[in-house]
C-alpha atoms as a PDB file:
ATOM      1  CA  MET A   1      -5.932   7.176 -21.281  1.00  0.00           C
ATOM      2  CA  PHE A   2      -3.198   9.505 -22.666  1.00  0.00           C
ATOM      3  CA  GLU A   3      -0.654   8.445 -25.271  1.00  0.00           C
ATOM      4  CA  TYR A   4       1.699  11.295 -24.430  1.00  0.00           C
ATOM      5  CA  PHE A   5       1.540  13.849 -21.614  1.00  0.00           C
ATOM      6  CA  SER A   6       1.511  17.373 -22.950  1.00  0.00           C
ATOM      7  CA  GLU A   7      -0.127  18.913 -19.882  1.00  0.00           C
ATOM      8  CA  ALA A   8       0.655  18.496 -16.206  1.00  0.00           C
ATOM      9  CA  HIS A   9      -3.008  17.744 -15.555  1.00  0.00           C
ATOM     10  CA  GLU A  10      -2.832  14.666 -17.822  1.00  0.00           C
ATOM     11  CA  LEU A  11       0.180  13.380 -15.930  1.00  0.00           C
ATOM     12  CA  PHE A  12      -1.617  13.930 -12.618  1.00  0.00           C
ATOM     13  CA  VAL A  13      -4.699  12.001 -13.774  1.00  0.00           C
ATOM     14  CA  TYR A  14      -2.512   9.173 -15.056  1.00  0.00           C
ATOM     15  CA  ARG A  15      -0.582   8.967 -11.762  1.00  0.00           C
ATOM     16  CA  LEU A  16      -3.885   9.069  -9.881  1.00  0.00           C
ATOM     17  CA  GLY A  17      -4.984   6.059 -11.918  1.00  0.00           C
ATOM     18  CA  ILE A  18      -1.783   4.226 -11.038  1.00  0.00           C
ATOM     19  CA  ALA A  19      -2.438   4.986  -7.365  1.00  0.00           C
ATOM     20  CA  ARG A  20      -5.923   3.531  -7.672  1.00  0.00           C
ATOM     21  CA  GLY A  21      -4.599   0.394  -9.347  1.00  0.00           C
ATOM     22  CA  ALA A  22      -1.901   0.078  -6.698  1.00  0.00           C
ATOM     23  CA  SER A  23      -4.557   0.362  -3.973  1.00  0.00           C
ATOM     24  CA  ARG A  24      -6.479  -2.485  -5.592  1.00  0.00           C
ATOM     25  CA  ARG A  25      -3.339  -4.623  -5.812  1.00  0.00           C
ATOM     26  CA  ALA A  26      -2.434  -3.737  -2.211  1.00  0.00           C
ATOM     27  CA  ILE A  27      -5.770  -5.173  -1.071  1.00  0.00           C
ATOM     28  CA  VAL A  28      -4.881  -8.475  -2.740  1.00  0.00           C
ATOM     29  CA  THR A  29      -1.294  -8.512  -1.466  1.00  0.00           C
ATOM     30  CA  LEU A  30      -2.298  -7.631   2.080  1.00  0.00           C
ATOM     31  CA  GLY A  31      -4.931 -10.386   1.975  1.00  0.00           C
ATOM     32  CA  VAL A  32      -2.211 -12.887   1.128  1.00  0.00           C
ATOM     33  CA  LEU A  33      -0.061 -11.512   3.940  1.00  0.00           C
ATOM     34  CA  GLU A  34      -2.978 -11.874   6.343  1.00  0.00           C
ATOM     35  CA  GLN A  35      -3.466 -15.509   5.345  1.00  0.00           C
ATOM     36  CA  GLU A  36       0.223 -16.267   5.770  1.00  0.00           C
ATOM     37  CA  SER A  37       0.616 -14.542   9.137  1.00  0.00           C
ATOM     38  CA  GLN A  38       1.205 -16.649  12.237  1.00  0.00           C
ATOM     39  CA  ARG A  39       0.321 -14.359  15.083  1.00  0.00           C
ATOM     40  CA  ARG A  40      -3.173 -13.087  15.638  1.00  0.00           C
ATOM     41  CA  GLU A  41      -1.980  -9.494  16.008  1.00  0.00           C
ATOM     42  CA  VAL A  42      -0.068  -9.663  12.716  1.00  0.00           C
ATOM     43  CA  GLY A  43      -3.131 -11.053  10.911  1.00  0.00           C
ATOM     44  CA  ALA A  44      -5.346  -8.391  12.499  1.00  0.00           C
ATOM     45  CA  LEU A  45      -2.976  -5.650  11.367  1.00  0.00           C
ATOM     46  CA  MET A  46      -2.933  -7.012   7.803  1.00  0.00           C
ATOM     47  CA  LEU A  47      -6.754  -7.036   7.848  1.00  0.00           C
ATOM     48  CA  ASP A  48      -6.761  -3.403   9.045  1.00  0.00           C
ATOM     49  CA  LEU A  49      -4.328  -2.440   6.302  1.00  0.00           C
ATOM     50  CA  SER A  50      -6.498  -4.171   3.684  1.00  0.00           C
ATOM     51  CA  GLU A  51      -9.548  -2.267   4.863  1.00  0.00           C
ATOM     52  CA  GLU A  52      -7.572   0.964   4.771  1.00  0.00           C
ATOM     53  CA  ALA A  53      -6.516   0.195   1.186  1.00  0.00           C
ATOM     54  CA  ARG A  54     -10.196  -0.350   0.274  1.00  0.00           C
ATOM     55  CA  LEU A  55     -11.096   3.022   1.737  1.00  0.00           C
ATOM     56  CA  HIS A  56      -8.233   4.687  -0.111  1.00  0.00           C
ATOM     57  CA  ALA A  57      -9.331   3.120  -3.401  1.00  0.00           C
ATOM     58  CA  ALA A  58     -12.775   4.640  -2.782  1.00  0.00           C
ATOM     59  CA  VAL A  59     -11.209   8.039  -2.072  1.00  0.00           C
ATOM     60  CA  LEU A  60      -9.324   7.826  -5.366  1.00  0.00           C
ATOM     61  CA  GLU A  61     -12.574   7.042  -7.190  1.00  0.00           C
ATOM     62  CA  ASP A  62     -14.092  10.126  -5.546  1.00  0.00           C
ATOM     63  CA  CYS A  63     -11.125  12.150  -6.794  1.00  0.00           C
ATOM     64  CA  PHE A  64     -11.815  10.995 -10.342  1.00  0.00           C
ATOM     65  CA  ALA A  65     -15.461  11.962  -9.913  1.00  0.00           C
ATOM     66  CA  GLU A  66     -14.473  15.394  -8.649  1.00  0.00           C
ATOM     67  CA  LEU A  67     -12.187  15.815 -11.658  1.00  0.00           C
ATOM     68  CA  GLU A  68     -15.043  14.587 -13.856  1.00  0.00           C
ATOM     69  CA  ARG A  69     -12.845  11.884 -15.315  1.00  0.00           C
ATOM     70  CA  ASN A  70     -13.474   8.211 -15.882  1.00  0.00           C
ATOM     71  CA  VAL A  71     -11.637   5.909 -13.546  1.00  0.00           C
ATOM     72  CA  ALA A  72      -8.763   4.621 -15.620  1.00  0.00           C
ATOM     73  CA  VAL A  73      -6.332   2.155 -14.133  1.00  0.00           C
ATOM     74  CA  PRO A  74      -3.067   2.020 -16.055  1.00  0.00           C
ATOM     75  CA  PRO A  75      -0.677  -0.806 -15.241  1.00  0.00           C
ATOM     76  CA  GLY A  76       0.901  -0.399 -11.826  1.00  0.00           C
ATOM     77  CA  HIS A  77       4.143  -2.232 -12.383  1.00  0.00           C
ATOM     78  CA  ALA A  78       5.556  -1.460  -8.935  1.00  0.00           C
ATOM     79  CA  ALA A  79       2.437  -2.818  -7.190  1.00  0.00           C
ATOM     80  CA  GLU A  80       2.441  -5.928  -9.352  1.00  0.00           C
ATOM     81  CA  GLY A  81       6.141  -6.397  -8.607  1.00  0.00           C
ATOM     82  CA  LEU A  82       5.534  -6.097  -4.858  1.00  0.00           C
ATOM     83  CA  ASP A  83       2.749  -8.663  -5.082  1.00  0.00           C
ATOM     84  CA  LYS A  84       4.968 -11.058  -7.004  1.00  0.00           C
ATOM     85  CA  GLU A  85       7.804 -10.497  -4.540  1.00  0.00           C
ATOM     86  CA  ALA A  86       5.472 -11.221  -1.616  1.00  0.00           C
ATOM     87  CA  HIS A  87       4.394 -14.514  -3.141  1.00  0.00           C
ATOM     88  CA  THR A  88       7.997 -15.496  -3.842  1.00  0.00           C
ATOM     89  CA  VAL A  89       9.296 -14.572  -0.383  1.00  0.00           C
ATOM     90  CA  LEU A  90       6.410 -16.311   1.374  1.00  0.00           C
ATOM     91  CA  ARG A  91       6.846 -19.449  -0.703  1.00  0.00           C
ATOM     92  CA  LYS A  92      10.526 -19.560   0.272  1.00  0.00           C
ATOM     93  CA  THR A  93       9.966 -18.857   3.983  1.00  0.00           C
ATOM     94  CA  ALA A  94       9.645 -21.622   6.571  1.00  0.00           C
ATOM     95  CA  GLU A  95       6.385 -21.754   8.506  1.00  0.00           C
ATOM     96  CA  GLY A  96       8.074 -20.934  11.806  1.00  0.00           C
ATOM     97  CA  ILE A  97       9.236 -17.504  10.668  1.00  0.00           C
ATOM     98  CA  LYS A  98       6.437 -16.290   8.366  1.00  0.00           C
ATOM     99  CA  ASP A  99       5.709 -13.181  10.438  1.00  0.00           C
ATOM    100  CA  LEU A 100       9.325 -12.130   9.918  1.00  0.00           C
ATOM    101  CA  ALA A 101       8.529 -12.050   6.189  1.00  0.00           C
ATOM    102  CA  VAL A 102       4.943 -10.743   6.371  1.00  0.00           C
ATOM    103  CA  LEU A 103       5.674  -7.540   8.274  1.00  0.00           C
ATOM    104  CA  PRO A 104       8.538  -6.241   6.079  1.00  0.00           C
ATOM    105  CA  LEU A 105       6.488  -7.068   2.973  1.00  0.00           C
ATOM    106  CA  ALA A 106       3.554  -5.065   4.370  1.00  0.00           C
ATOM    107  CA  LEU A 107       5.966  -2.233   5.033  1.00  0.00           C
ATOM    108  CA  GLU A 108       7.027  -2.273   1.374  1.00  0.00           C
ATOM    109  CA  VAL A 109       3.378  -2.013   0.287  1.00  0.00           C
ATOM    110  CA  LEU A 110       2.909   0.974   2.597  1.00  0.00           C
ATOM    111  CA  TYR A 111       6.052   2.703   1.372  1.00  0.00           C
ATOM    112  CA  GLU A 112       4.831   2.371  -2.198  1.00  0.00           C
ATOM    113  CA  ALA A 113       1.529   4.010  -1.217  1.00  0.00           C
ATOM    114  CA  ILE A 114       3.332   6.800   0.629  1.00  0.00           C
ATOM    115  CA  ALA A 115       5.531   7.405  -2.416  1.00  0.00           C
ATOM    116  CA  MET A 116       2.411   7.744  -4.576  1.00  0.00           C
ATOM    117  CA  TYR A 117       0.236   9.843  -2.272  1.00  0.00           C
ATOM    118  CA  GLU A 118       2.861  12.385  -1.277  1.00  0.00           C
ATOM    119  CA  PRO A 119       3.500  13.913  -4.730  1.00  0.00           C
ATOM    120  CA  LEU A 120      -0.196  13.633  -5.651  1.00  0.00           C
ATOM    121  CA  THR A 121      -1.063  15.611  -2.526  1.00  0.00           C
ATOM    122  CA  VAL A 122       1.449  18.331  -3.322  1.00  0.00           C
ATOM    123  CA  TYR A 123       0.287  18.541  -6.932  1.00  0.00           C
ATOM    124  CA  ALA A 124      -3.394  18.676  -5.953  1.00  0.00           C
ATOM    125  CA  ARG A 125      -2.764  21.377  -3.350  1.00  0.00           C
ATOM    126  CA  GLU A 126      -0.783  23.547  -5.755  1.00  0.00           C
ATOM    127  CA  TRP A 127      -2.742  23.102  -8.978  1.00  0.00           C
ATOM    128  CA  ILE A 128      -6.080  21.352  -8.567  1.00  0.00           C
ATOM    129  CA  SER A 129      -8.125  21.970  -5.426  1.00  0.00           C
ATOM    130  CA  GLY A 130      -7.734  22.160  -1.695  1.00  0.00           C
ATOM    131  CA  HIS A 131     -10.566  19.673  -1.207  1.00  0.00           C
ATOM    132  CA  LEU A 132      -8.914  17.064  -3.399  1.00  0.00           C
ATOM    133  CA  ALA A 133      -5.567  17.685  -1.702  1.00  0.00           C
ATOM    134  CA  ASP A 134      -7.195  17.266   1.719  1.00  0.00           C
ATOM    135  CA  GLN A 135      -8.617  13.882   0.709  1.00  0.00           C
ATOM    136  CA  LEU A 136      -5.264  12.675  -0.589  1.00  0.00           C
ATOM    137  CA  GLU A 137      -3.457  14.068   2.439  1.00  0.00           C
ATOM    138  CA  ARG A 138      -5.770  12.155   4.788  1.00  0.00           C
ATOM    139  CA  CYS A 139      -4.802   8.968   2.940  1.00  0.00           C
ATOM    140  CA  LEU A 140      -1.145   9.900   3.242  1.00  0.00           C
ATOM    141  CA  VAL A 141      -1.415  10.584   6.986  1.00  0.00           C
ATOM    142  CA  GLU A 142      -3.183   7.234   7.477  1.00  0.00           C
ATOM    143  CA  GLN A 143      -0.440   5.481   5.495  1.00  0.00           C
ATOM    144  CA  LEU A 144       2.241   7.080   7.666  1.00  0.00           C
ATOM    145  CA  ALA A 145       0.409   6.053  10.836  1.00  0.00           C
ATOM    146  CA  SER A 146       0.032   2.521   9.487  1.00  0.00           C
ATOM    147  CA  ARG A 147       3.736   2.433   8.681  1.00  0.00           C
ATOM    148  CA  ASN A 148       4.434   3.235  12.337  1.00  0.00           C
ATOM    149  CA  ARG A 149       2.070   0.474  13.477  1.00  0.00           C
ATOM    150  CA  VAL A 150       3.844  -2.047  11.255  1.00  0.00           C
ATOM    151  CA  LEU A 151       7.265  -0.897  12.463  1.00  0.00           C
ATOM    152  CA  ASP A 152       6.199  -1.174  16.123  1.00  0.00           C
ATOM    153  CA  LEU A 153       4.807  -4.678  15.656  1.00  0.00           C
ATOM    154  CA  MET A 154       7.812  -5.680  13.574  1.00  0.00           C
ATOM    155  CA  ARG A 155      10.145  -4.624  16.398  1.00  0.00           C
ATOM    156  CA  GLN A 156       8.097  -6.712  18.848  1.00  0.00           C
ATOM    157  CA  VAL A 157       8.114  -9.781  16.621  1.00  0.00           C
ATOM    158  CA  PHE A 158      11.813  -9.472  15.837  1.00  0.00           C
ATOM    159  CA  ALA A 159      12.616  -9.070  19.554  1.00  0.00           C
ATOM    160  CA  SER A 160      10.564 -12.140  20.443  1.00  0.00           C
ATOM    161  CA  GLY A 161      12.085 -15.576  20.169  1.00  0.00           C
ATOM    162  CA  GLU A 162       8.659 -17.182  19.670  1.00  0.00           C
ATOM    163  CA  THR A 163       8.584 -17.182  15.881  1.00  0.00           C
ATOM    164  CA  VAL A 164      12.288 -17.345  15.188  1.00  0.00           C
ATOM    165  CA  GLN A 165      13.738 -20.750  14.510  1.00  0.00           C
ATOM    166  CA  THR A 166      17.268 -21.031  15.777  1.00  0.00           C
ATOM    167  CA  ARG A 167      19.945 -23.019  14.020  1.00  0.00           C
ATOM    168  CA  PRO A 168      21.112 -26.126  15.827  1.00  0.00           C
ATOM    169  CA  GLU A 169      24.659 -25.765  17.039  1.00  0.00           C
END
């Protein structure tokens, strides 16, 4: 891609590539979270989030096509770190409380996506095209709605004593 960014447009394209790579990694991470979930509703939500990440990856490819650029995927260190963290946390979590780990990890994946889409949307609206900005903004709005779904389910799971193992007294 670019060795050094001398134009804002180059930086935007690079960050767009990172977003695409992060979407790909999110699909993998959310798949792991789905497999590790205990409750049906948690697994179903992880599946929904994975599908959403697939759709967002496709939107990002469309953005590259609109910009007439090749799809380049630079290393997404944050996404790789979140994936590694998910594996570590899940490995260290007892079976009886997996959903208490799965939901916050999914929330971290969503926050990363929100942090990527928000500045890309602003940049696209100001400097690139309204159409491109609209596509990115739709992804952002979906991510925010998904964040709320995860938070709602997380509150339910945390309030429930079903998956929480209590310490013997």
